[in-house]
Amino acid sequence: MNLQFKLKDILEVDLYYGFYDIFVLGGFDVQVNDDFFIEILDLKTNEAILLREKNLKVRDYKNGKRAVKFFSFQVTDKSKYRISVHNYEDLTVFYS
């Protein structure tokens, strides 16, 4: 499953069992302040999913753009989830 959305968007989507990765598009280096976070909330149970930040950030191309794998997470129950990015102004993407 490939979802794309802008940082300002709040996305509600059905996710199935499995492992997922979050890529930041636009460059090969990303810096964030402590205030930045992504929230993935199960709308049935109102529980948040734990995101694991990647220590070794994989650089790749997604949809013809430079990308950095920034977070990963696991979904254990098929449900509808709300994905939102908070304090996105603290995110800086560097092309190189």
PDB file of N, CA and C in Angstrom:
ATOM      1  N   MET A   1       0.844  -1.177   0.000  1.00  0.00           N
ATOM      2  CA  MET A   1       0.000   0.000   0.000  1.00  0.00           C
ATOM      3  C   MET A   1       0.887   1.236   0.000  1.00  0.00           C
ATOM      4  N   ASN A   2       0.597   2.152  -0.891  1.00  0.00           N
ATOM      5  CA  ASN A   2       1.390   3.362  -1.030  1.00  0.00           C
ATOM      6  C   ASN A   2       0.471   4.563  -0.812  1.00  0.00           C
ATOM      7  N   LEU A   3       0.633   5.251   0.302  1.00  0.00           N
ATOM      8  CA  LEU A   3      -0.155   6.438   0.607  1.00  0.00           C
ATOM      9  C   LEU A   3       0.739   7.655   0.523  1.00  0.00           C
ATOM     10  N   GLN A   4       0.240   8.706  -0.088  1.00  0.00           N
ATOM     11  CA  GLN A   4       0.960   9.970  -0.123  1.00  0.00           C
ATOM     12  C   GLN A   4       0.051  11.049   0.414  1.00  0.00           C
ATOM     13  N   PHE A   5       0.606  11.906   1.262  1.00  0.00           N
ATOM     14  CA  PHE A   5      -0.157  13.041   1.750  1.00  0.00           C
ATOM     15  C   PHE A   5       0.786  14.144   2.173  1.00  0.00           C
ATOM     16  N   LYS A   6       0.262  15.336   2.193  1.00  0.00           N
ATOM     17  CA  LYS A   6       1.051  16.499   2.598  1.00  0.00           C
ATOM     18  C   LYS A   6       1.049  16.602   4.119  1.00  0.00           C
ATOM     19  N   LEU A   7       2.060  17.249   4.666  1.00  0.00           N
ATOM     20  CA  LEU A   7       2.212  17.344   6.114  1.00  0.00           C
ATOM     21  C   LEU A   7       1.011  17.986   6.795  1.00  0.00           C
ATOM     22  N   LYS A   8       0.359  18.926   6.140  1.00  0.00           N
ATOM     23  CA  LYS A   8      -0.772  19.621   6.739  1.00  0.00           C
ATOM     24  C   LYS A   8      -2.036  18.763   6.761  1.00  0.00           C
ATOM     25  N   ASP A   9      -2.075  17.701   5.956  1.00  0.00           N
ATOM     26  CA  ASP A   9      -3.270  16.865   5.836  1.00  0.00           C
ATOM     27  C   ASP A   9      -3.424  15.943   7.034  1.00  0.00           C
ATOM     28  N   ILE A  10      -4.673  15.650   7.356  1.00  0.00           N
ATOM     29  CA  ILE A  10      -4.997  14.585   8.309  1.00  0.00           C
ATOM     30  C   ILE A  10      -5.684  13.502   7.491  1.00  0.00           C
ATOM     31  N   LEU A  11      -5.109  12.326   7.511  1.00  0.00           N
ATOM     32  CA  LEU A  11      -5.555  11.236   6.652  1.00  0.00           C
ATOM     33  C   LEU A  11      -6.258  10.174   7.479  1.00  0.00           C
ATOM     34  N   GLU A  12      -7.428   9.728   7.027  1.00  0.00           N
ATOM     35  CA  GLU A  12      -8.115   8.597   7.649  1.00  0.00           C
ATOM     36  C   GLU A  12      -8.149   7.483   6.616  1.00  0.00           C
ATOM     37  N   VAL A  13      -7.603   6.320   7.008  1.00  0.00           N
ATOM     38  CA  VAL A  13      -7.420   5.237   6.050  1.00  0.00           C
ATOM     39  C   VAL A  13      -7.555   3.895   6.746  1.00  0.00           C
ATOM     40  N   ASP A  14      -8.018   2.892   6.009  1.00  0.00           N
ATOM     41  CA  ASP A  14      -8.046   1.520   6.514  1.00  0.00           C
ATOM     42  C   ASP A  14      -6.672   0.908   6.320  1.00  0.00           C
ATOM     43  N   LEU A  15      -6.098   0.388   7.393  1.00  0.00           N
ATOM     44  CA  LEU A  15      -4.820  -0.303   7.321  1.00  0.00           C
ATOM     45  C   LEU A  15      -5.026  -1.758   7.718  1.00  0.00           C
ATOM     46  N   TYR A  16      -4.273  -2.624   7.081  1.00  0.00           N
ATOM     47  CA  TYR A  16      -4.354  -4.053   7.340  1.00  0.00           C
ATOM     48  C   TYR A  16      -3.153  -4.498   8.153  1.00  0.00           C
ATOM     49  N   TYR A  17      -3.177  -5.735   8.601  1.00  0.00           N
ATOM     50  CA  TYR A  17      -2.070  -6.294   9.370  1.00  0.00           C
ATOM     51  C   TYR A  17      -0.777  -6.134   8.593  1.00  0.00           C
ATOM     52  N   GLY A  18       0.308  -5.826   9.303  1.00  0.00           N
ATOM     53  CA  GLY A  18       1.602  -5.785   8.646  1.00  0.00           C
ATOM     54  C   GLY A  18       2.504  -4.688   9.158  1.00  0.00           C
ATOM     55  N   PHE A  19       3.653  -4.609   8.512  1.00  0.00           N
ATOM     56  CA  PHE A  19       4.660  -3.611   8.831  1.00  0.00           C
ATOM     57  C   PHE A  19       4.606  -2.502   7.782  1.00  0.00           C
ATOM     58  N   TYR A  20       4.767  -1.270   8.243  1.00  0.00           N
ATOM     59  CA  TYR A  20       4.711  -0.109   7.361  1.00  0.00           C
ATOM     60  C   TYR A  20       5.916   0.779   7.615  1.00  0.00           C
ATOM     61  N   ASP A  21       6.326   1.512   6.572  1.00  0.00           N
ATOM     62  CA  ASP A  21       7.424   2.471   6.667  1.00  0.00           C
ATOM     63  C   ASP A  21       6.909   3.844   6.262  1.00  0.00           C
ATOM     64  N   ILE A  22       7.450   4.872   6.900  1.00  0.00           N
ATOM     65  CA  ILE A  22       7.131   6.253   6.554  1.00  0.00           C
ATOM     66  C   ILE A  22       8.379   6.889   5.959  1.00  0.00           C
ATOM     67  N   PHE A  23       8.248   7.361   4.721  1.00  0.00           N
ATOM     68  CA  PHE A  23       9.331   8.036   4.030  1.00  0.00           C
ATOM     69  C   PHE A  23       9.037   9.530   3.976  1.00  0.00           C
ATOM     70  N   VAL A  24      10.086  10.329   4.084  1.00  0.00           N
ATOM     71  CA  VAL A  24      10.000  11.772   3.879  1.00  0.00           C
ATOM     72  C   VAL A  24      10.598  12.043   2.507  1.00  0.00           C
ATOM     73  N   LEU A  25       9.807  12.644   1.625  1.00  0.00           N
ATOM     74  CA  LEU A  25      10.257  12.898   0.257  1.00  0.00           C
ATOM     75  C   LEU A  25      10.888  14.267   0.126  1.00  0.00           C
ATOM     76  N   GLY A  26      11.822  14.393  -0.811  1.00  0.00           N
ATOM     77  CA  GLY A  26      12.387  15.697  -1.136  1.00  0.00           C
ATOM     78  C   GLY A  26      13.888  15.791  -0.960  1.00  0.00           C
ATOM     79  N   GLY A  27      14.491  14.841  -0.291  1.00  0.00           N
ATOM     80  CA  GLY A  27      15.933  14.902  -0.090  1.00  0.00           C
ATOM     81  C   GLY A  27      16.450  13.646   0.572  1.00  0.00           C
ATOM     82  N   PHE A  28      17.749  13.631   0.824  1.00  0.00           N
ATOM     83  CA  PHE A  28      18.387  12.467   1.435  1.00  0.00           C
ATOM     84  C   PHE A  28      18.768  12.695   2.893  1.00  0.00           C
ATOM     85  N   ASP A  29      18.432  13.842   3.465  1.00  0.00           N
ATOM     86  CA  ASP A  29      18.727  14.099   4.869  1.00  0.00           C
ATOM     87  C   ASP A  29      17.557  14.848   5.496  1.00  0.00           C
ATOM     88  N   VAL A  30      17.207  14.468   6.726  1.00  0.00           N
ATOM     89  CA  VAL A  30      16.078  15.067   7.440  1.00  0.00           C
ATOM     90  C   VAL A  30      16.529  15.411   8.850  1.00  0.00           C
ATOM     91  N   GLN A  31      16.157  16.604   9.303  1.00  0.00           N
ATOM     92  CA  GLN A  31      16.392  16.999  10.691  1.00  0.00           C
ATOM     93  C   GLN A  31      15.069  17.453  11.286  1.00  0.00           C
ATOM     94  N   VAL A  32      14.825  17.043  12.546  1.00  0.00           N
ATOM     95  CA  VAL A  32      13.603  17.447  13.249  1.00  0.00           C
ATOM     96  C   VAL A  32      13.961  17.878  14.665  1.00  0.00           C
ATOM     97  N   ASN A  33      13.136  18.754  15.214  1.00  0.00           N
ATOM     98  CA  ASN A  33      13.255  19.124  16.620  1.00  0.00           C
ATOM     99  C   ASN A  33      12.449  18.131  17.448  1.00  0.00           C
ATOM    100  N   ASP A  34      12.581  18.218  18.754  1.00  0.00           N
ATOM    101  CA  ASP A  34      11.880  17.299  19.647  1.00  0.00           C
ATOM    102  C   ASP A  34      10.363  17.457  19.597  1.00  0.00           C
ATOM    103  N   ASP A  35       9.868  18.606  19.148  1.00  0.00           N
ATOM    104  CA  ASP A  35       8.431  18.858  19.101  1.00  0.00           C
ATOM    105  C   ASP A  35       7.731  18.127  17.961  1.00  0.00           C
ATOM    106  N   PHE A  36       8.469  17.721  16.943  1.00  0.00           N
ATOM    107  CA  PHE A  36       7.884  17.061  15.780  1.00  0.00           C
ATOM    108  C   PHE A  36       7.460  15.636  16.130  1.00  0.00           C
ATOM    109  N   PHE A  37       6.238  15.261  15.742  1.00  0.00           N
ATOM    110  CA  PHE A  37       5.833  13.869  15.877  1.00  0.00           C
ATOM    111  C   PHE A  37       4.697  13.546  14.919  1.00  0.00           C
ATOM    112  N   ILE A  38       4.594  12.267  14.613  1.00  0.00           N
ATOM    113  CA  ILE A  38       3.519  11.746  13.769  1.00  0.00           C
ATOM    114  C   ILE A  38       2.653  10.876  14.654  1.00  0.00           C
ATOM    115  N   GLU A  39       1.345  11.100  14.590  1.00  0.00           N
ATOM    116  CA  GLU A  39       0.417  10.318  15.395  1.00  0.00           C
ATOM    117  C   GLU A  39      -0.420   9.435  14.483  1.00  0.00           C
ATOM    118  N   ILE A  40      -0.448   8.151  14.805  1.00  0.00           N
ATOM    119  CA  ILE A  40      -1.298   7.202  14.104  1.00  0.00           C
ATOM    120  C   ILE A  40      -2.249   6.633  15.147  1.00  0.00           C
ATOM    121  N   LEU A  41      -3.528   6.947  15.006  1.00  0.00           N
ATOM    122  CA  LEU A  41      -4.524   6.638  16.019  1.00  0.00           C
ATOM    123  C   LEU A  41      -5.547   5.657  15.466  1.00  0.00           C
ATOM    124  N   ASP A  42      -5.757   4.547  16.193  1.00  0.00           N
ATOM    125  CA  ASP A  42      -6.796   3.581  15.843  1.00  0.00           C
ATOM    126  C   ASP A  42      -8.136   4.200  16.221  1.00  0.00           C
ATOM    127  N   LEU A  43      -9.003   4.417  15.251  1.00  0.00           N
ATOM    128  CA  LEU A  43     -10.258   5.108  15.520  1.00  0.00           C
ATOM    129  C   LEU A  43     -11.275   4.232  16.253  1.00  0.00           C
ATOM    130  N   LYS A  44     -11.119   2.908  16.222  1.00  0.00           N
ATOM    131  CA  LYS A  44     -12.025   2.022  16.965  1.00  0.00           C
ATOM    132  C   LYS A  44     -11.710   2.031  18.464  1.00  0.00           C
ATOM    133  N   THR A  45     -10.418   1.906  18.788  1.00  0.00           N
ATOM    134  CA  THR A  45     -10.007   1.778  20.192  1.00  0.00           C
ATOM    135  C   THR A  45      -9.448   3.072  20.783  1.00  0.00           C
ATOM    136  N   ASN A  46      -9.202   4.052  19.929  1.00  0.00           N
ATOM    137  CA  ASN A  46      -8.619   5.327  20.343  1.00  0.00           C
ATOM    138  C   ASN A  46      -7.207   5.161  20.925  1.00  0.00           C
ATOM    139  N   GLU A  47      -6.487   4.132  20.478  1.00  0.00           N
ATOM    140  CA  GLU A  47      -5.110   3.892  20.911  1.00  0.00           C
ATOM    141  C   GLU A  47      -4.135   4.335  19.825  1.00  0.00           C
ATOM    142  N   ALA A  48      -3.021   4.901  20.259  1.00  0.00           N
ATOM    143  CA  ALA A  48      -1.985   5.344  19.328  1.00  0.00           C
ATOM    144  C   ALA A  48      -1.022   4.192  19.047  1.00  0.00           C
ATOM    145  N   ILE A  49      -0.512   4.156  17.830  1.00  0.00           N
ATOM    146  CA  ILE A  49       0.481   3.156  17.436  1.00  0.00           C
ATOM    147  C   ILE A  49       1.871   3.722  17.699  1.00  0.00           C
ATOM    148  N   LEU A  50       2.733   2.887  18.229  1.00  0.00           N
ATOM    149  CA  LEU A  50       4.106   3.288  18.522  1.00  0.00           C
ATOM    150  C   LEU A  50       4.919   3.323  17.233  1.00  0.00           C
ATOM    151  N   LEU A  51       5.542   4.452  16.979  1.00  0.00           N
ATOM    152  CA  LEU A  51       6.432   4.602  15.823  1.00  0.00           C
ATOM    153  C   LEU A  51       7.860   4.391  16.273  1.00  0.00           C
ATOM    154  N   ARG A  52       8.618   3.685  15.469  1.00  0.00           N
ATOM    155  CA  ARG A  52      10.032   3.492  15.758  1.00  0.00           C
ATOM    156  C   ARG A  52      10.844   4.304  14.755  1.00  0.00           C
ATOM    157  N   GLU A  53      11.649   5.237  15.288  1.00  0.00           N
ATOM    158  CA  GLU A  53      12.503   6.033  14.412  1.00  0.00           C
ATOM    159  C   GLU A  53      13.676   5.183  13.965  1.00  0.00           C
ATOM    160  N   LYS A  54      13.993   5.284  12.707  1.00  0.00           N
ATOM    161  CA  LYS A  54      15.099   4.519  12.151  1.00  0.00           C
ATOM    162  C   LYS A  54      16.420   5.163  12.535  1.00  0.00           C
ATOM    163  N   ASN A  55      17.335   4.377  13.114  1.00  0.00           N
ATOM    164  CA  ASN A  55      18.671   4.884  13.418  1.00  0.00           C
ATOM    165  C   ASN A  55      19.488   5.010  12.147  1.00  0.00           C
ATOM    166  N   LEU A  56      19.476   3.962  11.346  1.00  0.00           N
ATOM    167  CA  LEU A  56      20.114   4.017  10.033  1.00  0.00           C
ATOM    168  C   LEU A  56      19.030   4.385   9.040  1.00  0.00           C
ATOM    169  N   LYS A  57      19.054   5.596   8.577  1.00  0.00           N
ATOM    170  CA  LYS A  57      18.000   6.077   7.691  1.00  0.00           C
ATOM    171  C   LYS A  57      18.334   5.693   6.249  1.00  0.00           C
ATOM    172  N   VAL A  58      17.530   4.822   5.695  1.00  0.00           N
ATOM    173  CA  VAL A  58      17.728   4.335   4.335  1.00  0.00           C
ATOM    174  C   VAL A  58      17.356   5.436   3.352  1.00  0.00           C
ATOM    175  N   ARG A  59      18.225   5.676   2.384  1.00  0.00           N
ATOM    176  CA  ARG A  59      17.957   6.647   1.327  1.00  0.00           C
ATOM    177  C   ARG A  59      17.512   5.877   0.094  1.00  0.00           C
ATOM    178  N   ASP A  60      16.490   6.385  -0.571  1.00  0.00           N
ATOM    179  CA  ASP A  60      15.916   5.689  -1.716  1.00  0.00           C
ATOM    180  C   ASP A  60      15.221   6.718  -2.600  1.00  0.00           C
ATOM    181  N   TYR A  61      14.677   6.269  -3.708  1.00  0.00           N
ATOM    182  CA  TYR A  61      13.839   7.103  -4.555  1.00  0.00           C
ATOM    183  C   TYR A  61      12.424   6.557  -4.517  1.00  0.00           C
ATOM    184  N   LYS A  62      11.461   7.423  -4.253  1.00  0.00           N
ATOM    185  CA  LYS A  62      10.046   7.064  -4.252  1.00  0.00           C
ATOM    186  C   LYS A  62       9.329   8.009  -5.202  1.00  0.00           C
ATOM    187  N   ASN A  63       8.631   7.435  -6.171  1.00  0.00           N
ATOM    188  CA  ASN A  63       7.903   8.233  -7.162  1.00  0.00           C
ATOM    189  C   ASN A  63       8.806   9.243  -7.852  1.00  0.00           C
ATOM    190  N   GLY A  64      10.053   8.856  -8.099  1.00  0.00           N
ATOM    191  CA  GLY A  64      11.007   9.698  -8.796  1.00  0.00           C
ATOM    192  C   GLY A  64      11.614  10.810  -7.948  1.00  0.00           C
ATOM    193  N   LYS A  65      11.362  10.811  -6.639  1.00  0.00           N
ATOM    194  CA  LYS A  65      11.908  11.841  -5.757  1.00  0.00           C
ATOM    195  C   LYS A  65      12.829  11.203  -4.727  1.00  0.00           C
ATOM    196  N   ARG A  66      13.812  11.991  -4.282  1.00  0.00           N
ATOM    197  CA  ARG A  66      14.674  11.516  -3.200  1.00  0.00           C
ATOM    198  C   ARG A  66      13.841  11.323  -1.939  1.00  0.00           C
ATOM    199  N   ALA A  67      14.162  10.263  -1.186  1.00  0.00           N
ATOM    200  CA  ALA A  67      13.363   9.949  -0.001  1.00  0.00           C
ATOM    201  C   ALA A  67      14.252   9.356   1.087  1.00  0.00           C
ATOM    202  N   VAL A  68      13.817   9.556   2.340  1.00  0.00           N
ATOM    203  CA  VAL A  68      14.494   9.001   3.510  1.00  0.00           C
ATOM    204  C   VAL A  68      13.464   8.208   4.307  1.00  0.00           C
ATOM    205  N   LYS A  69      13.807   6.942   4.614  1.00  0.00           N
ATOM    206  CA  LYS A  69      12.932   6.154   5.481  1.00  0.00           C
ATOM    207  C   LYS A  69      13.140   6.645   6.906  1.00  0.00           C
ATOM    208  N   PHE A  70      12.089   7.225   7.484  1.00  0.00           N
ATOM    209  CA  PHE A  70      12.240   7.911   8.758  1.00  0.00           C
ATOM    210  C   PHE A  70      11.638   7.143   9.926  1.00  0.00           C
ATOM    211  N   PHE A  71      10.460   6.558   9.745  1.00  0.00           N
ATOM    212  CA  PHE A  71       9.793   5.787  10.793  1.00  0.00           C
ATOM    213  C   PHE A  71       9.300   4.466  10.242  1.00  0.00           C
ATOM    214  N   SER A  72       9.083   3.523  11.146  1.00  0.00           N
ATOM    215  CA  SER A  72       8.395   2.281  10.803  1.00  0.00           C
ATOM    216  C   SER A  72       7.417   1.973  11.933  1.00  0.00           C
ATOM    217  N   PHE A  73       6.390   1.197  11.596  1.00  0.00           N
ATOM    218  CA  PHE A  73       5.421   0.796  12.610  1.00  0.00           C
ATOM    219  C   PHE A  73       4.734  -0.484  12.175  1.00  0.00           C
ATOM    220  N   GLN A  74       4.060  -1.116  13.125  1.00  0.00           N
ATOM    221  CA  GLN A  74       3.372  -2.374  12.868  1.00  0.00           C
ATOM    222  C   GLN A  74       1.902  -2.222  13.228  1.00  0.00           C
ATOM    223  N   VAL A  75       1.048  -2.737  12.362  1.00  0.00           N
ATOM    224  CA  VAL A  75      -0.389  -2.775  12.613  1.00  0.00           C
ATOM    225  C   VAL A  75      -0.756  -4.207  12.935  1.00  0.00           C
ATOM    226  N   THR A  76      -1.370  -4.431  14.094  1.00  0.00           N
ATOM    227  CA  THR A  76      -1.741  -5.790  14.498  1.00  0.00           C
ATOM    228  C   THR A  76      -3.222  -6.074  14.296  1.00  0.00           C
ATOM    229  N   ASP A  77      -4.039  -5.022  14.156  1.00  0.00           N
ATOM    230  CA  ASP A  77      -5.472  -5.201  13.950  1.00  0.00           C
ATOM    231  C   ASP A  77      -5.921  -4.373  12.761  1.00  0.00           C
ATOM    232  N   LYS A  78      -6.673  -5.021  11.860  1.00  0.00           N
ATOM    233  CA  LYS A  78      -7.239  -4.284  10.732  1.00  0.00           C
ATOM    234  C   LYS A  78      -8.252  -3.296  11.296  1.00  0.00           C
ATOM    235  N   SER A  79      -8.093  -2.025  10.919  1.00  0.00           N
ATOM    236  CA  SER A  79      -8.969  -0.997  11.456  1.00  0.00           C
ATOM    237  C   SER A  79      -8.827   0.264  10.621  1.00  0.00           C
ATOM    238  N   LYS A  80      -9.617   1.269  10.954  1.00  0.00           N
ATOM    239  CA  LYS A  80      -9.483   2.582  10.344  1.00  0.00           C
ATOM    240  C   LYS A  80      -8.584   3.413  11.261  1.00  0.00           C
ATOM    241  N   TYR A  81      -7.590   4.070  10.679  1.00  0.00           N
ATOM    242  CA  TYR A  81      -6.603   4.835  11.430  1.00  0.00           C
ATOM    243  C   TYR A  81      -6.581   6.277  10.949  1.00  0.00           C
ATOM    244  N   ARG A  82      -6.267   7.184  11.865  1.00  0.00           N
ATOM    245  CA  ARG A  82      -6.064   8.591  11.538  1.00  0.00           C
ATOM    246  C   ARG A  82      -4.575   8.871  11.637  1.00  0.00           C
ATOM    247  N   ILE A  83      -4.003   9.407  10.562  1.00  0.00           N
ATOM    248  CA  ILE A  83      -2.583   9.743  10.518  1.00  0.00           C
ATOM    249  C   ILE A  83      -2.470  11.260  10.457  1.00  0.00           C
ATOM    250  N   SER A  84      -1.747  11.830  11.420  1.00  0.00           N
ATOM    251  CA  SER A  84      -1.557  13.280  11.437  1.00  0.00           C
ATOM    252  C   SER A  84      -0.123  13.609  11.843  1.00  0.00           C
ATOM    253  N   VAL A  85       0.361  14.708  11.298  1.00  0.00           N
ATOM    254  CA  VAL A  85       1.724  15.175  11.579  1.00  0.00           C
ATOM    255  C   VAL A  85       1.606  16.448  12.405  1.00  0.00           C
ATOM    256  N   HIS A  86       2.313  16.479  13.535  1.00  0.00           N
ATOM    257  CA  HIS A  86       2.247  17.619  14.438  1.00  0.00           C
ATOM    258  C   HIS A  86       3.591  18.340  14.471  1.00  0.00           C
ATOM    259  N   ASN A  87       3.526  19.658  14.533  1.00  0.00           N
ATOM    260  CA  ASN A  87       4.716  20.516  14.560  1.00  0.00           C
ATOM    261  C   ASN A  87       5.605  20.273  13.337  1.00  0.00           C
ATOM    262  N   TYR A  88       4.969  20.142  12.180  1.00  0.00           N
ATOM    263  CA  TYR A  88       5.701  19.859  10.940  1.00  0.00           C
ATOM    264  C   TYR A  88       6.618  21.002  10.530  1.00  0.00           C
ATOM    265  N   GLU A  89       6.407  22.200  11.075  1.00  0.00           N
ATOM    266  CA  GLU A  89       7.315  23.304  10.757  1.00  0.00           C
ATOM    267  C   GLU A  89       8.708  23.058  11.345  1.00  0.00           C
ATOM    268  N   ASP A  90       8.837  22.079  12.254  1.00  0.00           N
ATOM    269  CA  ASP A  90      10.140  21.721  12.836  1.00  0.00           C
ATOM    270  C   ASP A  90      10.898  20.711  11.984  1.00  0.00           C
ATOM    271  N   LEU A  91      10.342  20.310  10.859  1.00  0.00           N
ATOM    272  CA  LEU A  91      10.967  19.341   9.957  1.00  0.00           C
ATOM    273  C   LEU A  91      11.740  20.083   8.871  1.00  0.00           C
ATOM    274  N   THR A  92      13.001  19.723   8.710  1.00  0.00           N
ATOM    275  CA  THR A  92      13.833  20.293   7.643  1.00  0.00           C
ATOM    276  C   THR A  92      14.372  19.169   6.780  1.00  0.00           C
ATOM    277  N   VAL A  93      14.167  19.272   5.470  1.00  0.00           N
ATOM    278  CA  VAL A  93      14.630  18.268   4.521  1.00  0.00           C
ATOM    279  C   VAL A  93      15.743  18.887   3.689  1.00  0.00           C
ATOM    280  N   PHE A  94      16.879  18.184   3.612  1.00  0.00           N
ATOM    281  CA  PHE A  94      18.022  18.630   2.824  1.00  0.00           C
ATOM    282  C   PHE A  94      18.149  17.761   1.593  1.00  0.00           C
ATOM    283  N   TYR A  95      18.323  18.382   0.437  1.00  0.00           N
ATOM    284  CA  TYR A  95      18.366  17.660  -0.829  1.00  0.00           C
ATOM    285  C   TYR A  95      19.540  16.690  -0.908  1.00  0.00           C
ATOM    286  N   SER A  96      20.706  17.102  -0.413  1.00  0.00           N
ATOM    287  CA  SER A  96      21.908  16.259  -0.545  1.00  0.00           C
ATOM    288  C   SER A  96      21.956  15.159   0.480  1.00  0.00           C
TER     289      SER A  96
END
